[in-house]
Amino acid sequence: METLTEKQQKVLRYIEARLGENNPPSQREIAAHFGLAQNAIYQLIRYLREKGYLAGNGGHRGLRLSEKYLRQAKQDKGIPIVGRVAAGPPILAQENIEGYADLKEFYGGGDTFILRAAGESMVDDGILDGDYVVVRPASQVDNGQIGVAMVNDEVTMKKIYFRRDSIILEPANKSGAYKTITIKKNNANVRIIGKVTGCLRKL
């Protein structure tokens, strides 16, 4: 992407921070923050759009980061680490991301993410509480493969089996009191998020 001037970088970082707080700024607020005339901010935003960093019409709180910039930023930062996932927002929403790991050399980039495991339901398969698992997004996994599913807005990691009319989420902890979950295939409240491709004890 085209290089930004120092002033353009500062404005972009401010807009990005506000969008990360789900509080898009108006041009007037940006101007007030930097002590500049609103017309100067209008020009800076126009440059940021022309260089591919911003999208939207730039109207009142209408700014957003461009898809091209978001892809580039993700590549620069590394693979996102997802902590406790909040119900409602997408799994990779900003409020769920607690950091990034530079592991693209080993696990590739794309939409791959790292999920922090919670609980001991998968200890028999070597995944302990607090481990980090690498997840490649997918709407299907192989029968018996460890995958990540969204069930009633809750993210769970289990062995996933597909039967003719049901999806089975099976834990891997014979000594615990973890129960197998069976859900009808047409249940709109269950969705496969991805498949687990690696496990890391420490980042």
C-alpha atoms as a PDB file:
ATOM      1  CA  MET A   1       0.000   0.000   0.000  1.00  0.00           C
ATOM      2  CA  GLU A   2       1.084   3.585  -0.622  1.00  0.00           C
ATOM      3  CA  THR A   3       3.206   5.157   2.129  1.00  0.00           C
ATOM      4  CA  LEU A   4       1.565   7.654   4.482  1.00  0.00           C
ATOM      5  CA  THR A   5       2.940  10.925   5.778  1.00  0.00           C
ATOM      6  CA  GLU A   6       3.450  11.253   9.535  1.00  0.00           C
ATOM      7  CA  LYS A   7       0.293  13.352   9.887  1.00  0.00           C
ATOM      8  CA  GLN A   8      -1.741  10.858   7.867  1.00  0.00           C
ATOM      9  CA  GLN A   9      -0.440   8.016  10.046  1.00  0.00           C
ATOM     10  CA  LYS A  10      -1.488   9.840  13.216  1.00  0.00           C
ATOM     11  CA  VAL A  11      -4.992  10.475  11.897  1.00  0.00           C
ATOM     12  CA  LEU A  12      -5.323   6.858  10.751  1.00  0.00           C
ATOM     13  CA  ARG A  13      -4.186   5.534  14.149  1.00  0.00           C
ATOM     14  CA  TYR A  14      -6.696   7.768  15.929  1.00  0.00           C
ATOM     15  CA  ILE A  15      -9.549   6.646  13.665  1.00  0.00           C
ATOM     16  CA  GLU A  16      -8.503   3.000  14.075  1.00  0.00           C
ATOM     17  CA  ALA A  17      -8.444   3.334  17.868  1.00  0.00           C
ATOM     18  CA  ARG A  18     -11.906   4.901  17.930  1.00  0.00           C
ATOM     19  CA  LEU A  19     -13.305   2.226  15.639  1.00  0.00           C
ATOM     20  CA  GLY A  20     -11.759  -0.409  17.914  1.00  0.00           C
ATOM     21  CA  GLU A  21     -13.818   1.086  20.738  1.00  0.00           C
ATOM     22  CA  ASN A  22     -16.916   0.875  18.512  1.00  0.00           C
ATOM     23  CA  ASN A  23     -17.082   4.662  18.642  1.00  0.00           C
ATOM     24  CA  PRO A  24     -16.448   6.011  15.120  1.00  0.00           C
ATOM     25  CA  PRO A  25     -15.327   9.657  15.221  1.00  0.00           C
ATOM     26  CA  SER A  26     -16.851  12.512  13.291  1.00  0.00           C
ATOM     27  CA  GLN A  27     -14.613  14.809  11.255  1.00  0.00           C
ATOM     28  CA  ARG A  28     -15.283  17.548  13.802  1.00  0.00           C
ATOM     29  CA  GLU A  29     -14.048  15.318  16.650  1.00  0.00           C
ATOM     30  CA  ILE A  30     -10.916  14.396  14.681  1.00  0.00           C
ATOM     31  CA  ALA A  31     -10.233  18.075  13.998  1.00  0.00           C
ATOM     32  CA  ALA A  32     -10.694  18.937  17.690  1.00  0.00           C
ATOM     33  CA  HIS A  33      -8.410  16.079  18.770  1.00  0.00           C
ATOM     34  CA  PHE A  34      -5.536  17.277  16.577  1.00  0.00           C
ATOM     35  CA  GLY A  35      -6.231  21.002  16.861  1.00  0.00           C
ATOM     36  CA  LEU A  36      -6.696  21.341  13.113  1.00  0.00           C
ATOM     37  CA  ALA A  37      -9.287  23.002  10.925  1.00  0.00           C
ATOM     38  CA  GLN A  38     -12.088  20.716   9.800  1.00  0.00           C
ATOM     39  CA  ASN A  39     -11.182  21.388   6.167  1.00  0.00           C
ATOM     40  CA  ALA A  40      -7.651  20.072   6.828  1.00  0.00           C
ATOM     41  CA  ILE A  41      -9.110  16.877   8.293  1.00  0.00           C
ATOM     42  CA  TYR A  42     -11.388  16.553   5.279  1.00  0.00           C
ATOM     43  CA  GLN A  43      -8.307  16.619   3.029  1.00  0.00           C
ATOM     44  CA  LEU A  44      -6.404  14.114   5.187  1.00  0.00           C
ATOM     45  CA  ILE A  45      -9.342  11.697   5.144  1.00  0.00           C
ATOM     46  CA  ARG A  46      -9.612  12.091   1.374  1.00  0.00           C
ATOM     47  CA  TYR A  47      -5.931  11.148   1.036  1.00  0.00           C
ATOM     48  CA  LEU A  48      -6.431   8.122   3.309  1.00  0.00           C
ATOM     49  CA  ARG A  49      -9.329   6.947   1.138  1.00  0.00           C
ATOM     50  CA  GLU A  50      -7.395   7.528  -2.088  1.00  0.00           C
ATOM     51  CA  LYS A  51      -4.444   5.529  -0.718  1.00  0.00           C
ATOM     52  CA  GLY A  52      -6.742   2.662   0.191  1.00  0.00           C
ATOM     53  CA  TYR A  53      -6.682   2.869   3.996  1.00  0.00           C
ATOM     54  CA  LEU A  54     -10.216   4.100   4.629  1.00  0.00           C
ATOM     55  CA  ALA A  55     -13.590   3.259   3.168  1.00  0.00           C
ATOM     56  CA  GLY A  56     -16.986   4.842   3.647  1.00  0.00           C
ATOM     57  CA  ASN A  57     -18.236   8.213   2.556  1.00  0.00           C
ATOM     58  CA  GLY A  58     -16.515  10.116   5.352  1.00  0.00           C
ATOM     59  CA  GLY A  59     -19.837  11.551   6.439  1.00  0.00           C
ATOM     60  CA  HIS A  60     -20.936  11.914  10.034  1.00  0.00           C
ATOM     61  CA  ARG A  61     -19.359   8.888  11.754  1.00  0.00           C
ATOM     62  CA  GLY A  62     -19.367   7.035   8.418  1.00  0.00           C
ATOM     63  CA  LEU A  63     -15.669   6.142   8.307  1.00  0.00           C
ATOM     64  CA  ARG A  64     -14.411   2.583   8.382  1.00  0.00           C
ATOM     65  CA  LEU A  65     -11.138   0.806   7.667  1.00  0.00           C
ATOM     66  CA  SER A  66     -10.848  -0.649   4.173  1.00  0.00           C
ATOM     67  CA  GLU A  67     -10.777  -4.418   3.665  1.00  0.00           C
ATOM     68  CA  LYS A  68      -7.397  -4.067   1.951  1.00  0.00           C
ATOM     69  CA  TYR A  69      -5.889  -2.270   4.940  1.00  0.00           C
ATOM     70  CA  LEU A  70      -7.400  -4.732   7.417  1.00  0.00           C
ATOM     71  CA  ARG A  71      -5.860  -7.648   5.509  1.00  0.00           C
ATOM     72  CA  GLN A  72      -2.484  -5.906   5.411  1.00  0.00           C
ATOM     73  CA  ALA A  73      -2.622  -5.018   9.116  1.00  0.00           C
ATOM     74  CA  LYS A  74      -3.449  -8.603  10.005  1.00  0.00           C
ATOM     75  CA  GLN A  75      -0.505  -9.892   7.979  1.00  0.00           C
ATOM     76  CA  ASP A  76       1.819  -7.419   9.680  1.00  0.00           C
ATOM     77  CA  LYS A  77       0.629  -8.244  13.198  1.00  0.00           C
ATOM     78  CA  GLY A  78       0.539 -12.030  12.892  1.00  0.00           C
ATOM     79  CA  ILE A  79      -2.104 -14.572  13.857  1.00  0.00           C
ATOM     80  CA  PRO A  80      -4.724 -13.145  16.262  1.00  0.00           C
ATOM     81  CA  ILE A  81      -4.992 -14.705  19.727  1.00  0.00           C
ATOM     82  CA  VAL A  82      -8.582 -14.992  20.875  1.00  0.00           C
ATOM     83  CA  GLY A  83      -9.195 -14.988  24.609  1.00  0.00           C
ATOM     84  CA  ARG A  84     -12.576 -15.319  26.261  1.00  0.00           C
ATOM     85  CA  VAL A  85     -15.092 -15.028  23.446  1.00  0.00           C
ATOM     86  CA  ALA A  86     -18.022 -12.731  24.125  1.00  0.00           C
ATOM     87  CA  ALA A  87     -21.476 -13.891  23.062  1.00  0.00           C
ATOM     88  CA  GLY A  88     -22.852 -11.952  20.133  1.00  0.00           C
ATOM     89  CA  PRO A  89     -19.875 -10.409  18.279  1.00  0.00           C
ATOM     90  CA  PRO A  90     -17.979 -12.506  15.703  1.00  0.00           C
ATOM     91  CA  ILE A  91     -15.182 -14.629  17.148  1.00  0.00           C
ATOM     92  CA  LEU A  92     -12.523 -12.324  15.661  1.00  0.00           C
ATOM     93  CA  ALA A  93     -14.195  -9.116  16.813  1.00  0.00           C
ATOM     94  CA  GLN A  94     -11.686  -6.634  18.242  1.00  0.00           C
ATOM     95  CA  GLU A  95     -12.971  -7.070  21.806  1.00  0.00           C
ATOM     96  CA  ASN A  96     -12.135 -10.792  21.686  1.00  0.00           C
ATOM     97  CA  ILE A  97      -8.543 -10.407  20.457  1.00  0.00           C
ATOM     98  CA  GLU A  98      -5.952 -10.245  23.236  1.00  0.00           C
ATOM     99  CA  GLY A  99      -2.826 -10.194  21.105  1.00  0.00           C
ATOM    100  CA  TYR A 100      -1.043 -11.544  18.041  1.00  0.00           C
ATOM    101  CA  ALA A 101       1.567 -14.267  17.480  1.00  0.00           C
ATOM    102  CA  ASP A 102       4.077 -14.296  14.652  1.00  0.00           C
ATOM    103  CA  LEU A 103       3.554 -17.916  13.639  1.00  0.00           C
ATOM    104  CA  LYS A 104       2.591 -17.501   9.985  1.00  0.00           C
ATOM    105  CA  GLU A 105       5.775 -19.319   8.940  1.00  0.00           C
ATOM    106  CA  PHE A 106       4.480 -22.475  10.645  1.00  0.00           C
ATOM    107  CA  TYR A 107       0.718 -22.210  10.344  1.00  0.00           C
ATOM    108  CA  GLY A 108       0.171 -19.858   7.410  1.00  0.00           C
ATOM    109  CA  GLY A 109      -1.865 -16.692   7.441  1.00  0.00           C
ATOM    110  CA  GLY A 110      -5.277 -16.139   5.949  1.00  0.00           C
ATOM    111  CA  ASP A 111      -8.043 -16.235   8.540  1.00  0.00           C
ATOM    112  CA  THR A 112      -6.203 -18.616  10.895  1.00  0.00           C
ATOM    113  CA  PHE A 113      -6.539 -17.672  14.561  1.00  0.00           C
ATOM    114  CA  ILE A 114      -5.289 -18.921  17.932  1.00  0.00           C
ATOM    115  CA  LEU A 115      -7.790 -19.798  20.633  1.00  0.00           C
ATOM    116  CA  ARG A 116      -6.875 -19.971  24.312  1.00  0.00           C
ATOM    117  CA  ALA A 117      -8.244 -23.242  25.680  1.00  0.00           C
ATOM    118  CA  ALA A 118     -10.305 -23.115  28.867  1.00  0.00           C
ATOM    119  CA  GLY A 119     -11.096 -26.168  30.972  1.00  0.00           C
ATOM    120  CA  GLU A 120      -9.901 -29.769  30.828  1.00  0.00           C
ATOM    121  CA  SER A 121     -12.403 -31.400  28.498  1.00  0.00           C
ATOM    122  CA  MET A 122      -9.688 -32.257  25.907  1.00  0.00           C
ATOM    123  CA  VAL A 123      -6.783 -33.352  28.149  1.00  0.00           C
ATOM    124  CA  ASP A 124      -6.740 -36.929  26.812  1.00  0.00           C
ATOM    125  CA  ASP A 125      -5.860 -35.482  23.419  1.00  0.00           C
ATOM    126  CA  GLY A 126      -3.052 -33.381  24.904  1.00  0.00           C
ATOM    127  CA  ILE A 127      -4.861 -30.043  25.129  1.00  0.00           C
ATOM    128  CA  LEU A 128      -4.592 -28.626  28.645  1.00  0.00           C
ATOM    129  CA  ASP A 129      -6.287 -25.689  30.327  1.00  0.00           C
ATOM    130  CA  GLY A 130      -4.529 -22.511  29.182  1.00  0.00           C
ATOM    131  CA  ASP A 131      -2.967 -24.048  26.073  1.00  0.00           C
ATOM    132  CA  TYR A 132      -3.180 -22.223  22.766  1.00  0.00           C
ATOM    133  CA  VAL A 133      -4.731 -24.063  19.833  1.00  0.00           C
ATOM    134  CA  VAL A 134      -4.343 -22.984  16.223  1.00  0.00           C
ATOM    135  CA  VAL A 135      -7.656 -22.978  14.355  1.00  0.00           C
ATOM    136  CA  ARG A 136      -8.167 -22.825  10.610  1.00  0.00           C
ATOM    137  CA  PRO A 137     -11.670 -21.565   9.789  1.00  0.00           C
ATOM    138  CA  ALA A 138     -13.881 -24.187   8.139  1.00  0.00           C
ATOM    139  CA  SER A 139     -17.584 -24.972   8.017  1.00  0.00           C
ATOM    140  CA  GLN A 140     -16.828 -28.724   7.983  1.00  0.00           C
ATOM    141  CA  VAL A 141     -14.246 -30.960   9.644  1.00  0.00           C
ATOM    142  CA  ASP A 142     -13.390 -34.627   9.126  1.00  0.00           C
ATOM    143  CA  ASN A 143     -15.340 -37.107  11.214  1.00  0.00           C
ATOM    144  CA  GLY A 144     -13.675 -37.416  14.621  1.00  0.00           C
ATOM    145  CA  GLN A 145     -11.404 -34.415  14.108  1.00  0.00           C
ATOM    146  CA  ILE A 146     -10.972 -31.838  16.855  1.00  0.00           C
ATOM    147  CA  GLY A 147     -12.887 -28.743  15.875  1.00  0.00           C
ATOM    148  CA  VAL A 148     -14.339 -25.536  17.249  1.00  0.00           C
ATOM    149  CA  ALA A 149     -18.077 -25.003  17.205  1.00  0.00           C
ATOM    150  CA  MET A 150     -20.427 -22.211  18.211  1.00  0.00           C
ATOM    151  CA  VAL A 151     -23.354 -23.556  20.222  1.00  0.00           C
ATOM    152  CA  ASN A 152     -25.955 -21.063  21.440  1.00  0.00           C
ATOM    153  CA  ASP A 153     -23.391 -18.225  21.191  1.00  0.00           C
ATOM    154  CA  GLU A 154     -20.870 -20.242  23.244  1.00  0.00           C
ATOM    155  CA  VAL A 155     -17.589 -21.416  21.693  1.00  0.00           C
ATOM    156  CA  THR A 156     -16.610 -24.996  22.460  1.00  0.00           C
ATOM    157  CA  MET A 157     -13.744 -27.237  21.330  1.00  0.00           C
ATOM    158  CA  LYS A 158     -14.511 -30.936  20.976  1.00  0.00           C
ATOM    159  CA  LYS A 159     -14.104 -33.964  18.738  1.00  0.00           C
ATOM    160  CA  ILE A 160     -16.810 -33.581  16.132  1.00  0.00           C
ATOM    161  CA  TYR A 161     -18.729 -36.463  14.605  1.00  0.00           C
ATOM    162  CA  PHE A 162     -21.411 -36.286  11.958  1.00  0.00           C
ATOM    163  CA  ARG A 163     -24.288 -38.719  11.868  1.00  0.00           C
ATOM    164  CA  ARG A 164     -27.164 -38.819   9.400  1.00  0.00           C
ATOM    165  CA  ASP A 165     -29.350 -36.429  11.361  1.00  0.00           C
ATOM    166  CA  SER A 166     -27.108 -35.140  14.159  1.00  0.00           C
ATOM    167  CA  ILE A 167     -23.808 -33.542  15.122  1.00  0.00           C
ATOM    168  CA  ILE A 168     -21.975 -35.035  18.091  1.00  0.00           C
ATOM    169  CA  LEU A 169     -19.500 -32.989  20.160  1.00  0.00           C
ATOM    170  CA  GLU A 170     -17.418 -35.385  22.214  1.00  0.00           C
ATOM    171  CA  PRO A 171     -14.948 -34.414  24.983  1.00  0.00           C
ATOM    172  CA  ALA A 172     -11.615 -36.178  25.462  1.00  0.00           C
ATOM    173  CA  ASN A 173     -11.422 -36.632  29.228  1.00  0.00           C
ATOM    174  CA  LYS A 174     -12.419 -40.072  30.456  1.00  0.00           C
ATOM    175  CA  SER A 175     -11.749 -39.224  34.093  1.00  0.00           C
ATOM    176  CA  GLY A 176     -13.867 -36.060  34.133  1.00  0.00           C
ATOM    177  CA  ALA A 177     -17.589 -35.487  34.219  1.00  0.00           C
ATOM    178  CA  TYR A 178     -17.728 -34.002  30.749  1.00  0.00           C
ATOM    179  CA  LYS A 179     -20.741 -35.036  28.716  1.00  0.00           C
ATOM    180  CA  THR A 180     -21.078 -35.650  25.007  1.00  0.00           C
ATOM    181  CA  ILE A 181     -23.364 -33.132  23.305  1.00  0.00           C
ATOM    182  CA  THR A 182     -25.724 -34.326  20.577  1.00  0.00           C
ATOM    183  CA  ILE A 183     -27.434 -31.721  18.412  1.00  0.00           C
ATOM    184  CA  LYS A 184     -29.775 -32.093  15.448  1.00  0.00           C
ATOM    185  CA  LYS A 185     -28.147 -31.099  12.159  1.00  0.00           C
ATOM    186  CA  ASN A 186     -30.874 -28.592  11.304  1.00  0.00           C
ATOM    187  CA  ASN A 187     -30.427 -26.748  14.608  1.00  0.00           C
ATOM    188  CA  ALA A 188     -29.741 -23.121  13.708  1.00  0.00           C
ATOM    189  CA  ASN A 189     -27.980 -22.576  17.050  1.00  0.00           C
ATOM    190  CA  VAL A 190     -24.943 -24.710  16.159  1.00  0.00           C
ATOM    191  CA  ARG A 191     -22.238 -23.778  13.660  1.00  0.00           C
ATOM    192  CA  ILE A 192     -18.815 -25.267  12.919  1.00  0.00           C
ATOM    193  CA  ILE A 193     -16.182 -22.504  13.213  1.00  0.00           C
ATOM    194  CA  GLY A 194     -13.006 -24.335  12.252  1.00  0.00           C
ATOM    195  CA  LYS A 195     -10.619 -27.234  12.717  1.00  0.00           C
ATOM    196  CA  VAL A 196      -7.736 -27.415  15.161  1.00  0.00           C
ATOM    197  CA  THR A 197      -4.389 -27.702  13.366  1.00  0.00           C
ATOM    198  CA  GLY A 198      -1.933 -27.290  16.241  1.00  0.00           C
ATOM    199  CA  CYS A 199      -1.477 -26.904  19.985  1.00  0.00           C
ATOM    200  CA  LEU A 200       1.041 -24.678  21.778  1.00  0.00           C
ATOM    201  CA  ARG A 201       1.823 -24.777  25.479  1.00  0.00           C
ATOM    202  CA  LYS A 202       3.416 -21.348  25.574  1.00  0.00           C
ATOM    203  CA  LEU A 203       3.657 -18.372  23.231  1.00  0.00           C
END
